[in-house]
Amino acid sequence: MKSKLVRKILGGLSFTTALFVFQACYGTPQDFGADALITGVVKSKTTGLPVKGIMVSVPDYQQYLYTERDGTFSLYTVSDESCKITFRDNDAALNGTFLDKDTLLSVHPGDRVHLNIFLQEK
């Protein structure tokens, strides 16, 4: 009888632990109404070709990602009157060497902004 009670308690704890792990891995749903979506393409100013591996960051909120093979990026950020976005080439050996570029935007809740960024080669 004691064994069955212990087994039920451990089973309940295991199930609860699994739920917490699931929530920790997948997080809570994105609040699409309060954030702004910023998408875009980063290209070389000289060739017009897309540049992969460029770090796109929002320094004020410690957000960053890297451009895909086709130079595209997409991120949600907090709506702000002045949102600074930086484009930095961290892997110069892979795709050439590009100068850093900063962009200042004013984004409001629910905005969808698309940027076409052209980076100058050094």
Protein backbone atom coordinates (compact mmCIF):
# COMPACT_ATOMS: atom_id res chain seq x y z
CA MET A 1 0.00 0.00 0.00
CA LYS A 2 2.82 2.38 0.86
CA SER A 3 4.49 1.45 -2.40
CA LYS A 4 1.40 2.47 -4.44
CA LEU A 5 1.19 5.83 -2.65
CA VAL A 6 4.87 6.57 -3.27
CA ARG A 7 4.48 5.53 -6.92
CA LYS A 8 1.49 7.91 -7.36
CA ILE A 9 3.36 10.80 -5.74
CA LEU A 10 6.46 10.23 -7.89
CA GLY A 11 4.29 9.91 -11.00
CA GLY A 12 2.57 13.20 -10.24
CA LEU A 13 5.88 14.93 -9.60
CA SER A 14 7.33 13.54 -12.84
CA PHE A 15 4.34 14.82 -14.81
CA THR A 16 4.59 18.25 -13.20
CA THR A 17 8.33 18.36 -13.91
CA ALA A 18 7.69 17.50 -17.56
CA LEU A 19 5.23 20.39 -17.82
CA PHE A 20 7.74 22.84 -16.35
CA VAL A 21 10.46 21.63 -18.72
CA PHE A 22 8.11 22.02 -21.70
CA GLN A 23 7.25 25.59 -20.67
CA ALA A 24 10.92 26.43 -20.11
CA CYS A 25 11.91 25.14 -23.55
CA TYR A 26 9.11 26.69 -25.56
CA GLY A 27 8.35 29.75 -23.42
CA THR A 28 5.15 31.67 -23.34
CA PRO A 29 3.42 32.85 -26.51
CA GLN A 30 4.79 36.00 -28.17
CA ASP A 31 2.73 39.08 -27.40
CA PHE A 32 2.26 40.15 -31.00
CA GLY A 33 0.16 43.19 -30.13
CA ALA A 34 2.73 45.10 -28.06
CA ASP A 35 5.88 44.36 -30.08
CA ALA A 36 7.01 45.51 -33.50
CA LEU A 37 8.18 43.16 -36.26
CA ILE A 38 11.31 44.24 -38.10
CA THR A 39 12.29 42.34 -41.23
CA GLY A 40 14.72 43.07 -43.98
CA VAL A 41 17.48 42.13 -46.34
CA VAL A 42 21.18 42.99 -46.04
CA LYS A 43 23.04 43.38 -49.34
CA SER A 44 26.46 44.48 -50.50
CA LYS A 45 26.40 48.07 -51.76
CA THR A 46 28.97 47.27 -54.46
CA THR A 47 27.59 44.02 -55.86
CA GLY A 48 23.95 44.15 -54.77
CA LEU A 49 24.20 40.52 -53.62
CA PRO A 50 22.78 39.38 -50.26
CA VAL A 51 25.23 39.04 -47.38
CA LYS A 52 24.88 36.19 -44.89
CA GLY A 53 26.26 36.16 -41.37
CA ILE A 54 25.79 39.86 -40.59
CA MET A 55 24.90 40.42 -36.93
CA VAL A 56 21.67 42.43 -36.66
CA SER A 57 21.18 43.72 -33.13
CA VAL A 58 19.02 45.95 -30.97
CA PRO A 59 21.64 46.95 -28.36
CA ASP A 60 19.20 48.61 -25.95
CA TYR A 61 17.35 45.32 -25.45
CA GLN A 62 20.31 42.95 -25.90
CA GLN A 63 18.71 41.24 -28.89
CA TYR A 64 20.67 39.94 -31.84
CA LEU A 65 20.57 37.46 -34.69
CA TYR A 66 22.49 36.74 -37.88
CA THR A 67 21.31 37.15 -41.45
CA GLU A 68 20.37 34.00 -43.35
CA ARG A 69 22.02 32.73 -46.53
CA ASP A 70 19.79 35.02 -48.61
CA GLY A 71 20.64 38.05 -46.42
CA THR A 72 17.22 38.14 -44.73
CA PHE A 73 16.47 38.70 -41.07
CA SER A 74 13.35 38.94 -38.93
CA LEU A 75 12.93 39.89 -35.28
CA TYR A 76 10.35 41.17 -32.85
CA THR A 77 11.40 44.03 -30.62
CA VAL A 78 9.86 46.27 -28.00
CA SER A 79 8.04 49.28 -29.43
CA ASP A 80 9.99 52.44 -28.75
CA GLU A 81 10.15 56.05 -29.93
CA SER A 82 13.81 55.55 -30.89
CA CYS A 83 14.95 52.01 -31.63
CA LYS A 84 18.58 51.68 -32.69
CA ILE A 85 19.44 48.72 -34.92
CA THR A 86 23.05 47.91 -35.73
CA PHE A 87 24.46 45.84 -38.56
CA ARG A 88 27.92 44.44 -37.88
CA ASP A 89 30.15 42.10 -39.87
CA ASN A 90 31.63 39.72 -37.29
CA ASP A 91 32.88 37.03 -39.68
CA ALA A 92 34.86 39.10 -42.18
CA ALA A 93 36.80 36.10 -43.45
CA LEU A 94 33.65 34.34 -44.67
CA ASN A 95 31.92 36.93 -46.82
CA GLY A 96 34.27 39.88 -47.20
CA THR A 97 34.69 42.85 -44.92
CA PHE A 98 31.87 45.35 -44.48
CA LEU A 99 31.62 48.60 -42.54
CA ASP A 100 29.22 48.72 -39.60
CA LYS A 101 25.93 50.53 -40.05
CA ASP A 102 23.42 51.88 -37.52
CA THR A 103 19.78 52.67 -38.21
CA LEU A 104 17.43 54.61 -35.94
CA LEU A 105 13.72 53.78 -36.14
CA SER A 106 10.58 54.85 -34.38
CA VAL A 107 8.37 51.79 -33.94
CA HIS A 108 4.91 51.58 -32.42
CA PRO A 109 2.98 48.55 -31.09
CA GLY A 110 2.00 46.23 -33.92
CA ASP A 111 4.20 47.94 -36.53
CA ARG A 112 5.72 45.86 -39.30
CA VAL A 113 8.85 47.47 -40.70
CA HIS A 114 10.84 46.18 -43.68
CA LEU A 115 14.40 47.41 -44.20
CA ASN A 116 16.66 47.14 -47.22
CA ILE A 117 20.18 47.62 -45.89
CA PHE A 118 23.19 48.12 -48.15
CA LEU A 119 26.59 47.70 -46.49
CA GLN A 120 29.72 49.32 -47.87
CA GLU A 121 32.75 47.07 -48.25
CA LYS A 122 35.97 48.18 -46.57
